[in-house]
């Protein structure tokens, strides 16, 4: 079964799996580094007194 590149939807190449090329792999990396990909959830406050303190 051939998977599609998550960036451009071309067939993935084994050398760059799951991407089709180093270009698409770099596009994905840039999206992660720039914060384009985020997981939904509440932001944590560093000063939250309810959090466990490190011991």
N, C-alpha and C. Protein backbone atom coordinates (compact mmCIF):
# COMPACT_ATOMS: atom_id res chain seq x y z
N UNK A 1 0.84 -1.18 0.00
CA UNK A 1 0.00 0.00 0.00
C UNK A 1 0.89 1.25 0.00
N UNK A 2 0.68 2.11 -0.95
CA UNK A 2 1.44 3.35 -1.05
C UNK A 2 0.68 4.45 -0.31
N UNK A 3 1.39 5.16 0.54
CA UNK A 3 0.75 6.26 1.26
C UNK A 3 1.01 7.56 0.52
N UNK A 4 0.16 8.53 0.76
CA UNK A 4 0.30 9.84 0.13
C UNK A 4 1.06 10.77 1.04
N UNK A 5 1.86 11.62 0.45
CA UNK A 5 2.59 12.65 1.18
C UNK A 5 1.58 13.56 1.89
N UNK A 6 1.74 13.81 3.19
CA UNK A 6 0.78 14.66 3.89
C UNK A 6 0.82 16.13 3.46
N UNK A 7 1.86 16.53 2.76
CA UNK A 7 1.98 17.93 2.33
C UNK A 7 1.36 18.13 0.94
N UNK A 8 1.81 17.33 -0.05
CA UNK A 8 1.36 17.57 -1.43
C UNK A 8 0.49 16.45 -2.01
N UNK A 9 0.33 15.37 -1.28
CA UNK A 9 -0.52 14.24 -1.67
C UNK A 9 0.05 13.37 -2.78
N UNK A 10 1.32 13.58 -3.20
CA UNK A 10 1.97 12.69 -4.15
C UNK A 10 2.33 11.39 -3.42
N UNK A 11 2.61 10.32 -4.14
CA UNK A 11 3.02 9.07 -3.48
C UNK A 11 4.31 9.28 -2.67
N UNK A 12 4.35 8.70 -1.49
CA UNK A 12 5.52 8.84 -0.62
C UNK A 12 6.69 8.02 -1.18
N UNK A 13 7.89 8.54 -1.03
CA UNK A 13 9.11 7.85 -1.42
C UNK A 13 9.72 7.20 -0.18
N UNK A 14 10.18 5.96 -0.29
CA UNK A 14 10.75 5.28 0.89
C UNK A 14 11.87 6.07 1.57
N UNK A 15 12.69 6.76 0.80
CA UNK A 15 13.81 7.52 1.36
C UNK A 15 13.34 8.66 2.26
N UNK A 16 12.17 9.24 1.97
CA UNK A 16 11.67 10.41 2.70
C UNK A 16 10.37 10.12 3.46
N UNK A 17 10.01 8.87 3.56
CA UNK A 17 8.74 8.46 4.15
C UNK A 17 8.44 9.18 5.45
N UNK A 18 7.28 9.74 5.68
CA UNK A 18 6.05 9.61 4.91
C UNK A 18 5.91 10.66 3.82
N UNK A 19 6.97 11.38 3.52
CA UNK A 19 6.92 12.45 2.52
C UNK A 19 7.39 11.96 1.16
N UNK A 20 7.19 12.77 0.13
CA UNK A 20 7.62 12.41 -1.21
C UNK A 20 9.01 12.94 -1.54
N UNK A 21 9.46 13.94 -0.77
CA UNK A 21 10.75 14.56 -1.06
C UNK A 21 11.28 15.27 0.18
N UNK A 22 12.53 15.68 0.11
CA UNK A 22 13.10 16.43 1.23
C UNK A 22 12.43 17.80 1.34
N UNK A 23 11.96 18.34 0.23
CA UNK A 23 11.26 19.62 0.27
C UNK A 23 10.01 19.54 1.14
N UNK A 24 9.20 18.51 0.93
CA UNK A 24 7.98 18.37 1.72
C UNK A 24 8.31 18.08 3.19
N UNK A 25 9.37 17.32 3.44
CA UNK A 25 9.79 17.07 4.82
C UNK A 25 10.20 18.38 5.49
N UNK A 26 10.89 19.25 4.76
CA UNK A 26 11.30 20.54 5.31
C UNK A 26 10.11 21.48 5.52
N UNK A 27 9.13 21.42 4.64
CA UNK A 27 7.91 22.21 4.82
C UNK A 27 7.23 21.80 6.12
N UNK A 28 7.12 20.49 6.35
CA UNK A 28 6.50 19.98 7.57
C UNK A 28 7.29 20.41 8.81
N UNK A 29 8.61 20.30 8.75
CA UNK A 29 9.45 20.71 9.88
C UNK A 29 9.26 22.19 10.18
N UNK A 30 9.22 23.02 9.16
CA UNK A 30 9.03 24.46 9.35
C UNK A 30 7.68 24.75 10.01
N UNK A 31 6.66 24.00 9.63
CA UNK A 31 5.34 24.18 10.26
C UNK A 31 5.39 23.85 11.74
N UNK A 32 6.11 22.79 12.11
CA UNK A 32 6.24 22.44 13.53
C UNK A 32 7.03 23.53 14.27
N UNK A 33 8.13 23.97 13.69
CA UNK A 33 8.99 24.95 14.37
C UNK A 33 8.34 26.32 14.49
N UNK A 34 7.48 26.67 13.55
CA UNK A 34 6.83 27.98 13.59
C UNK A 34 5.57 27.99 14.46
N UNK A 35 5.14 26.80 14.91
CA UNK A 35 3.95 26.73 15.76
C UNK A 35 2.66 26.61 14.98
N UNK A 36 2.74 26.30 13.69
CA UNK A 36 1.52 26.13 12.91
C UNK A 36 0.72 24.91 13.35
N UNK A 37 1.43 23.89 13.81
CA UNK A 37 0.77 22.69 14.33
C UNK A 37 0.69 22.83 15.84
N UNK A 38 -0.50 22.76 16.37
CA UNK A 38 -0.69 22.83 17.83
C UNK A 38 -1.74 21.81 18.25
N UNK A 39 -1.62 21.33 19.45
CA UNK A 39 -2.61 20.43 20.02
C UNK A 39 -3.59 21.26 20.83
N UNK A 40 -4.88 21.00 20.68
CA UNK A 40 -5.86 21.78 21.43
C UNK A 40 -5.75 21.50 22.93
N UNK A 41 -6.00 22.52 23.71
CA UNK A 41 -5.98 22.36 25.15
C UNK A 41 -5.82 23.71 25.83
N UNK A 42 -5.93 23.69 27.14
CA UNK A 42 -5.78 24.91 27.91
C UNK A 42 -4.30 25.24 28.08
N UNK A 43 -3.99 26.53 28.04
CA UNK A 43 -2.62 26.95 28.31
C UNK A 43 -2.34 26.80 29.79
N UNK A 44 -1.13 26.39 30.12
CA UNK A 44 -0.74 26.25 31.51
C UNK A 44 -0.10 27.54 31.99
N UNK A 45 -0.43 27.92 33.20
CA UNK A 45 0.15 29.10 33.82
C UNK A 45 1.32 28.65 34.68
N UNK A 46 2.51 29.19 34.46
CA UNK A 46 3.69 28.79 35.23
C UNK A 46 3.55 29.11 36.71
N UNK A 47 2.71 30.06 37.04
CA UNK A 47 2.54 30.46 38.43
C UNK A 47 1.34 29.80 39.10
N UNK A 48 0.80 28.74 38.49
CA UNK A 48 -0.38 28.07 39.02
C UNK A 48 -0.06 27.38 40.34
N UNK A 49 -0.66 27.82 41.45
CA UNK A 49 -0.33 27.22 42.75
C UNK A 49 -0.87 25.80 42.89
N UNK A 50 -1.75 25.37 42.01
CA UNK A 50 -2.30 24.03 42.09
C UNK A 50 -1.38 22.96 41.50
N UNK A 51 -0.37 23.38 40.78
CA UNK A 51 0.55 22.42 40.19
C UNK A 51 1.50 21.88 41.21
N UNK A 52 1.89 20.63 41.05
CA UNK A 52 2.86 20.03 41.97
C UNK A 52 4.22 20.68 41.79
N UNK A 53 4.86 20.99 42.91
CA UNK A 53 6.19 21.57 42.88
C UNK A 53 7.21 20.46 42.73
N UNK A 54 8.29 20.75 42.00
CA UNK A 54 9.36 19.76 41.86
C UNK A 54 10.08 19.63 43.19
N UNK A 55 10.42 18.42 43.53
CA UNK A 55 11.14 18.20 44.79
C UNK A 55 12.53 17.72 44.56
